[in-house]
């Protein structure tokens, strides 16, 4: 009996310690800029410092249609995806592609209807500048690379060019070059030719705070119970997204929309067969941007990788990394940790 009570006390102590470890964790956040020619690319580094003796793996996060700090380091209700990853033993870096948040942009000719502002070529150049900066003094070093939505497109394209610098590639809710129905086909297409992108769509998107909230509503279904459109998280997200200029507008280069339109209609800007590093493909089954066929085709065409895995997160939406009330973010973190650290 005494032995049973002692064992019970030990279990309770362990549960208490594991439960309070996260609450007592401390983080160091560092903001800096990395040059790429005349551009300055905004980077944020997040490190968990309570368990400083842990071996920390470098992980670079690349955003989608909203900037990196808004998406991955939201400072409300314990929603920072970056801190969750840091607690799991990563040194987390998040970067903004040119024109997002505080990253500068070139002087685009916005009257040019053929312009792809913030193309995958430009994005890959920006990623390479940041990766080279992070790997300074470590010529054989590699980075774990995570891309969400358009960021998955950019990260995968970058990897096809620089497999030697990537340890593992992780792609979340991203398109692949498969011709299949897409919810944005009609809104992005030229009214006179459905096979072409509507050139009248501005090269720079400008959205106010309410429009950002409406983006969330696009991806929330009646069946969703974990993230509501009027929640504090979404309001904080929208407020952060429009906080980087005096006009209080989310201003983003629109090239990713043009490339995404063509990808969703079968064009390939890169080929999965050219990726030679371990690759993890994750999709929330309620994502409004990617489609099941994207994950399937991407996975099947990864013929040159030593390890690959495809994960579908049940009830996971476009912003699954901010799902703190359900199990979405937890499942996402487990998938990343198991793949990068254990190859599972």
Foldseek 3Di string as FASTA:
>chain_A
DVVVVVVVVVVVVVVVCVVCPLVPWDKDKDWDWFDQPPKTKIKIKIATPPPVVAAAAEEEEEEDPFAFCLQAPQPPPPQHLQVVLNVVRYGYMYIGQDPHQPIHADPDPQVDLVDQGRALVSLLSVVVRVLCVVCPPPVQEAHAYEYAELGLLSQLVNLLVCVSRHAEYEYEQYFAQDADDAPCQVVQAPPVDSLAGNSVPTQKDKAALVVQLVVVVVLDDPPDDQDDSPDPSSSSSSQVQQPRDPVSINIGGDSSVRVLNNSNRRDGPDFLCSRAHEYEYEYECSERRYDPVRQVRSQVRNPRYPAYYYYYHYSQYSSLSRRPRDCSVVVVSVVVCCCSPPVD
